Amino acid sequence: MPSLRFRAGIQMSNRTVDYRSRVGMSLAIVMLVIVAGFAKNSYSADDWLSATAYVIPKHTATEGEGYFSVIEGHNRRLYIGTHANRVNSWLVEFSPRDAAMKIVVDAHKAIGAEASGFAAQAKIHSRNNVGRSGKIYFATKQGYPAQEESRDKYPGGYPMVYDPATGETKVYPIPVPHHGVISFTPDERRGLGYVSTCDDARPSESTHFLVLDLETGEYQDLLDCEHMYAFIVVDYQGRAYHPIRGGDIARYEPRKRQLVRLKQTIDGAPPAADSYLATEHGHPINWDISPDRKTLYAQ
């Protein structure tokens, strides 16, 4: 089995690169984290950043809950996925220049169906992505079932593509019945999209890694990786990566149409428990990739 060497990092080419800690800011969006245990008055006013909060339309986030479903488009506007549990979900466009918000995609209208309760497309929980064309790639997933409500009531999530230039939305079929979609990553150059599903089961999930033909809408199911909150990245050679429960990584090479299972090591040793990379039931790994697609960052 091929080996993927780490120095707390991941190898995208023939060299080993480090995971790096970085702080990212997209326009005026700032994440503030309150951590218990800070010493009183341990930080001065100069250590803090001022920020302006903008409220998402309240009917699109009925419980005030949101996720990391935000991306800056080529037009310098933000595209934000929302969550209205048991109701619906929306993609909201935010213009920092004039502080204007506009709903650009209504999930239920886009798929041409109405639903409520657990059958609703209640969340856009995907890591939003921007293609080379400027189109916004995102997806819907399930919310929370009521007590004794069957999870089979949820039909499945939809990968979607919104084009800011035309205002049109393309909806792809449900990849796996009753599964939501947690990741939808495009490779427009090759006409492919990569999808990760989620059944939201606990303690371990079923999460299918699929290849989508962006032209025909046909899927190829590569593997059930059983890894919760999996985010797919595509490197500079067009190879797509998806974590596997237990610490391995699936890599799909489109030129060869080949799936490779990579073993990873950190400083020459298997991942330790404190890395959270190889836990028994899986653990969220927040992946992102550098603009040159040669360095993978993780949190």
Protein backbone atom coordinates (compact mmCIF):
# COMPACT_ATOMS: atom_id res chain seq x y z
CA MET A 1 0.00 0.00 0.00
CA PRO A 2 1.41 3.45 -0.89
CA SER A 3 2.62 5.53 2.03
CA LEU A 4 1.89 9.20 2.65
CA ARG A 5 4.56 10.73 4.84
CA PHE A 6 3.77 13.59 7.20
CA ARG A 7 5.73 16.05 9.24
CA ALA A 8 2.47 17.03 10.82
CA GLY A 9 1.66 17.51 7.16
CA ILE A 10 0.65 15.97 3.88
CA GLN A 11 2.62 15.26 0.72
CA MET A 12 1.05 16.72 -2.42
CA SER A 13 4.05 16.19 -4.69
CA ASN A 14 7.35 14.36 -4.29
CA ARG A 15 8.26 16.35 -1.22
CA THR A 16 6.90 16.43 2.30
CA VAL A 17 5.28 19.65 3.43
CA ASP A 18 4.20 20.81 6.86
CA TYR A 19 0.77 21.47 8.21
CA ARG A 20 0.88 25.15 9.04
CA SER A 21 -1.15 27.17 11.45
CA ARG A 22 -2.70 30.14 9.74
CA VAL A 23 -5.34 32.75 10.40
CA GLY A 24 -7.52 33.62 7.41
CA MET A 25 -9.74 36.64 6.87
CA SER A 26 -12.15 36.91 3.97
CA LEU A 27 -13.13 40.55 3.50
CA ALA A 28 -14.82 41.69 6.73
CA ILE A 29 -15.68 38.26 8.08
CA VAL A 30 -13.98 37.55 11.39
CA MET A 31 -14.50 34.55 13.64
CA LEU A 32 -14.29 35.33 17.35
CA VAL A 33 -13.69 32.44 19.70
CA ILE A 34 -14.15 32.68 23.45
CA VAL A 35 -12.00 30.20 25.30
CA ALA A 36 -12.44 29.49 28.99
CA GLY A 37 -9.36 29.73 31.13
CA PHE A 38 -7.81 32.97 29.86
CA ALA A 39 -6.23 34.94 32.66
CA LYS A 40 -8.14 38.09 33.50
CA ASN A 41 -6.73 41.17 31.74
CA SER A 42 -4.12 39.03 29.99
CA TYR A 43 -4.80 40.81 26.70
CA SER A 44 -4.71 44.52 26.02
CA ALA A 45 -7.04 46.41 23.72
CA ASP A 46 -4.35 46.37 21.03
CA ASP A 47 -4.57 42.57 20.87
CA TRP A 48 -8.16 42.59 19.62
CA LEU A 49 -9.59 43.22 16.16
CA SER A 50 -12.68 45.35 15.71
CA ALA A 51 -15.37 43.76 13.58
CA THR A 52 -18.83 44.58 12.30
CA ALA A 53 -21.52 41.91 12.56
CA TYR A 54 -24.07 41.52 9.77
CA VAL A 55 -27.26 39.56 10.41
CA ILE A 56 -28.26 36.89 7.93
CA PRO A 57 -31.99 37.13 7.02
CA LYS A 58 -33.57 35.61 10.09
CA HIS A 59 -36.05 33.36 8.30
CA THR A 60 -33.09 31.61 6.65
CA ALA A 61 -31.50 30.76 10.00
CA THR A 62 -34.45 30.28 12.32
CA GLU A 63 -32.40 29.02 15.27
CA GLY A 64 -29.42 31.31 14.71
CA GLU A 65 -27.30 28.34 13.72
CA GLY A 66 -24.75 28.46 10.93
CA TYR A 67 -21.66 26.69 9.66
CA PHE A 68 -18.50 27.22 7.62
CA SER A 69 -20.53 27.35 4.42
CA VAL A 70 -19.09 30.65 3.18
CA ILE A 71 -16.89 31.56 0.23
CA GLU A 72 -15.79 34.72 -1.57
CA GLY A 73 -16.78 34.76 -5.23
CA HIS A 74 -14.77 36.23 -8.08
CA ASN A 75 -17.07 39.27 -7.82
CA ARG A 76 -15.80 39.91 -4.26
CA ARG A 77 -19.17 39.04 -2.77
CA LEU A 78 -19.67 36.37 -0.14
CA TYR A 79 -21.92 33.35 -0.63
CA ILE A 80 -23.28 31.93 2.61
CA GLY A 81 -25.24 28.73 3.17
CA THR A 82 -27.95 28.77 5.83
CA HIS A 83 -29.81 26.36 8.10
CA ALA A 84 -33.49 26.52 9.02
CA ASN A 85 -34.09 23.19 10.72
CA ARG A 86 -37.09 21.25 9.41
CA VAL A 87 -37.93 24.14 7.05
CA ASN A 88 -35.50 24.79 4.17
CA SER A 89 -32.09 26.25 3.36
CA TRP A 90 -30.91 29.18 1.26
CA LEU A 91 -27.76 30.53 -0.35
CA VAL A 92 -27.35 34.19 0.59
CA GLU A 93 -25.20 36.69 -1.30
CA PHE A 94 -23.54 39.42 0.78
CA SER A 95 -21.91 42.52 -0.67
CA PRO A 96 -19.46 44.01 1.86
CA ARG A 97 -19.22 47.22 -0.17
CA ASP A 98 -22.82 48.26 0.53
CA ALA A 99 -23.66 45.74 3.31
CA ALA A 100 -26.47 44.32 1.17
CA MET A 101 -27.77 40.77 1.50
CA LYS A 102 -29.82 38.95 -1.10
CA ILE A 103 -31.17 35.41 -1.27
CA VAL A 104 -29.94 33.92 -4.54
CA VAL A 105 -30.93 30.24 -4.12
CA ASP A 106 -33.95 28.75 -2.38
CA ALA A 107 -33.13 25.04 -2.06
CA HIS A 108 -36.69 23.77 -2.30
CA LYS A 109 -37.53 25.98 -5.27
CA ALA A 110 -34.32 24.90 -7.00
CA ILE A 111 -35.18 21.20 -6.74
CA GLY A 112 -38.85 21.84 -7.54
CA ALA A 113 -40.29 20.21 -4.44
CA GLU A 114 -41.72 21.27 -1.11
CA ALA A 115 -40.99 19.40 2.09
CA SER A 116 -41.08 19.93 5.82
CA GLY A 117 -39.89 18.21 8.96
CA PHE A 118 -36.98 15.85 8.53
CA ALA A 119 -37.72 15.58 4.79
CA ALA A 120 -36.68 19.22 4.31
CA GLN A 121 -33.38 20.28 2.75
CA ALA A 122 -32.65 21.97 6.05
CA LYS A 123 -28.93 22.72 5.78
CA ILE A 124 -26.31 24.00 3.43
CA HIS A 125 -23.46 22.59 5.49
CA SER A 126 -20.95 22.04 2.70
CA ARG A 127 -17.69 23.88 2.38
CA ASN A 128 -18.65 26.20 -0.48
CA ASN A 129 -16.23 26.28 -3.40
CA VAL A 130 -15.65 28.54 -6.40
CA GLY A 131 -14.83 27.07 -9.80
CA ARG A 132 -12.49 28.60 -12.36
CA SER A 133 -15.64 29.90 -14.08
CA GLY A 134 -16.69 31.84 -10.98
CA LYS A 135 -19.61 29.51 -10.31
CA ILE A 136 -20.41 28.66 -6.67
CA TYR A 137 -20.49 24.96 -5.75
CA PHE A 138 -22.47 23.92 -2.66
CA ALA A 139 -24.86 21.21 -1.47
CA THR A 140 -27.77 20.48 0.84
CA LYS A 141 -28.13 18.02 3.69
CA GLN A 142 -30.56 16.86 6.34
CA GLY A 143 -31.37 18.63 9.59
CA TYR A 144 -32.41 16.95 12.84
CA PRO A 145 -35.17 14.34 13.12
CA ALA A 146 -37.87 14.60 15.73
CA GLN A 147 -38.07 11.88 18.34
CA GLU A 148 -39.12 8.58 16.75
CA GLU A 149 -38.91 10.12 13.26
CA SER A 150 -37.33 7.76 10.73
CA ARG A 151 -34.15 8.95 9.01
CA ASP A 152 -35.47 7.34 5.83
CA LYS A 153 -37.93 10.24 5.59
CA TYR A 154 -35.10 12.39 4.25
CA PRO A 155 -34.82 11.73 0.49
CA GLY A 156 -31.19 12.81 0.16
CA GLY A 157 -29.13 15.93 -0.48
CA TYR A 158 -28.43 17.72 -3.75
CA PRO A 159 -25.18 19.11 -5.14
CA MET A 160 -25.90 22.53 -6.67
CA VAL A 161 -24.07 25.12 -8.76
CA TYR A 162 -25.01 28.81 -8.72
CA ASP A 163 -23.76 31.13 -11.46
CA PRO A 164 -23.53 34.75 -10.23
CA ALA A 165 -23.14 35.95 -13.83
CA THR A 166 -26.55 34.63 -14.93
CA GLY A 167 -28.39 34.04 -11.66
CA GLU A 168 -29.09 30.45 -12.72
CA THR A 169 -28.77 27.37 -10.50
CA LYS A 170 -28.01 23.86 -11.72
CA VAL A 171 -29.15 20.98 -9.51
CA TYR A 172 -27.58 17.52 -9.72
CA PRO A 173 -29.39 14.32 -8.70
CA ILE A 174 -29.23 12.84 -5.20
CA PRO A 175 -25.99 10.80 -5.16
CA VAL A 176 -26.92 8.34 -2.37
CA PRO A 177 -30.54 7.96 -1.17
CA HIS A 178 -31.20 9.26 2.37
CA HIS A 179 -27.69 10.75 2.63
CA GLY A 180 -26.99 14.45 2.80
CA VAL A 181 -24.05 16.00 0.96
CA ILE A 182 -21.26 17.46 3.10
CA SER A 183 -18.69 18.24 0.39
CA PHE A 184 -18.87 19.21 -3.29
CA THR A 185 -15.53 20.16 -4.85
CA PRO A 186 -15.20 21.01 -8.55
CA ASP A 187 -12.48 20.32 -11.07
CA GLU A 188 -13.94 22.29 -13.96
CA ARG A 189 -10.86 21.82 -16.11
CA ARG A 190 -11.60 18.10 -16.30
CA GLY A 191 -15.38 18.46 -16.14
CA LEU A 192 -15.57 16.64 -12.80
CA GLY A 193 -16.97 17.24 -9.36
CA TYR A 194 -16.16 15.31 -6.20
CA VAL A 195 -18.88 14.57 -3.67
CA SER A 196 -18.92 13.29 -0.10
CA THR A 197 -22.18 12.16 1.46
CA CYS A 198 -23.24 11.81 5.09
CA ASP A 199 -25.93 9.70 6.71
CA ASP A 200 -25.41 11.42 10.12
CA ALA A 201 -25.34 8.06 11.93
CA ARG A 202 -23.49 7.85 15.23
CA PRO A 203 -21.00 6.81 16.47
CA SER A 204 -19.75 6.13 12.93
CA GLU A 205 -21.08 7.56 9.67
CA SER A 206 -21.48 6.22 6.19
CA THR A 207 -19.79 8.73 3.84
CA HIS A 208 -19.53 7.86 0.17
CA PHE A 209 -16.75 9.35 -1.96
CA LEU A 210 -18.09 9.87 -5.48
CA VAL A 211 -17.00 11.31 -8.82
CA LEU A 212 -19.61 13.40 -10.65
CA ASP A 213 -19.55 14.10 -14.39
CA LEU A 214 -20.53 17.78 -14.45
CA GLU A 215 -21.90 17.49 -17.99
CA THR A 216 -24.00 14.31 -17.76
CA GLY A 217 -24.80 14.33 -14.04
CA GLU A 218 -23.70 10.69 -13.70
CA TYR A 219 -21.93 9.46 -10.56
CA GLN A 220 -19.22 6.90 -9.92
CA ASP A 221 -19.23 5.66 -6.32
CA LEU A 222 -15.61 5.08 -5.31
CA LEU A 223 -15.75 4.05 -1.65
CA ASP A 224 -17.66 4.34 1.61
CA CYS A 225 -14.97 6.11 3.65
CA GLU A 226 -17.01 6.11 6.90
CA HIS A 227 -15.43 9.45 7.89
CA MET A 228 -17.63 12.17 9.33
CA TYR A 229 -17.48 15.75 7.99
CA ALA A 230 -15.12 14.87 5.17
CA PHE A 231 -13.95 17.75 2.98
CA ILE A 232 -12.52 16.88 -0.41
CA VAL A 233 -9.56 18.79 -1.84
CA VAL A 234 -8.07 18.61 -5.35
CA ASP A 235 -4.31 19.04 -5.79
CA TYR A 236 -2.35 20.66 -8.62
CA GLN A 237 -2.31 17.40 -10.58
CA GLY A 238 -6.08 17.06 -10.38
CA ARG A 239 -5.98 14.29 -7.76
CA ALA A 240 -8.83 14.33 -5.24
CA TYR A 241 -8.31 13.48 -1.54
CA HIS A 242 -10.87 12.19 0.97
CA PRO A 243 -10.13 11.03 4.56
CA ILE A 244 -10.96 7.45 5.57
CA ARG A 245 -11.99 6.42 9.07
CA GLY A 246 -8.99 4.92 10.82
CA GLY A 247 -6.39 7.31 9.46
CA ASP A 248 -5.93 6.38 5.80
CA ILE A 249 -6.62 8.76 2.90
CA ALA A 250 -8.35 7.95 -0.39
CA ARG A 251 -6.81 9.58 -3.46
CA TYR A 252 -8.52 9.46 -6.84
CA GLU A 253 -6.38 10.00 -9.94
CA PRO A 254 -8.69 10.98 -12.83
CA ARG A 255 -6.11 10.49 -15.59
CA LYS A 256 -5.80 6.83 -14.62
CA ARG A 257 -9.33 6.55 -13.23
CA GLN A 258 -7.66 4.93 -10.26
CA LEU A 259 -8.42 5.03 -6.55
CA VAL A 260 -5.39 4.69 -4.27
CA ARG A 261 -5.54 4.12 -0.52
CA LEU A 262 -2.71 6.00 1.19
CA LYS A 263 -1.21 5.18 4.56
CA GLN A 264 -0.09 8.24 6.47
CA THR A 265 2.67 8.69 9.00
CA ILE A 266 3.58 11.68 11.15
CA ASP A 267 7.32 12.08 11.61
CA GLY A 268 7.69 8.45 10.55
CA ALA A 269 5.17 7.05 13.04
CA PRO A 270 1.48 6.14 12.76
CA PRO A 271 -0.93 8.94 13.77
CA ALA A 272 -1.15 9.23 17.56
CA ALA A 273 -4.41 9.60 19.46
CA ASP A 274 -3.86 13.30 20.09
CA SER A 275 -3.74 13.98 16.34
CA TYR A 276 -7.43 12.92 15.99
CA LEU A 277 -6.52 11.54 12.56
CA ALA A 278 -7.11 7.89 13.39
CA THR A 279 -9.85 7.74 16.02
CA GLU A 280 -12.09 4.68 16.20
CA HIS A 281 -15.23 6.41 14.97
CA GLY A 282 -13.64 9.24 13.03
CA HIS A 283 -13.24 12.90 13.89
CA PRO A 284 -13.92 16.03 11.80
CA ILE A 285 -10.83 17.17 9.88
CA ASN A 286 -11.14 20.68 8.49
CA TRP A 287 -9.15 20.60 5.26
CA ASP A 288 -8.20 23.48 2.99
CA ILE A 289 -5.64 23.81 0.22
CA SER A 290 -3.24 26.57 -0.81
CA PRO A 291 -3.90 28.60 -4.00
CA ASP A 292 -1.16 26.69 -5.86
CA ARG A 293 -2.78 23.42 -4.69
CA LYS A 294 0.52 22.03 -3.42
CA THR A 295 -0.02 22.42 0.34
CA LEU A 296 -2.87 20.97 2.38
CA TYR A 297 -3.80 22.70 5.61
CA ALA A 298 -5.77 20.94 8.32
CA GLN A 299 -7.33 21.75 11.65
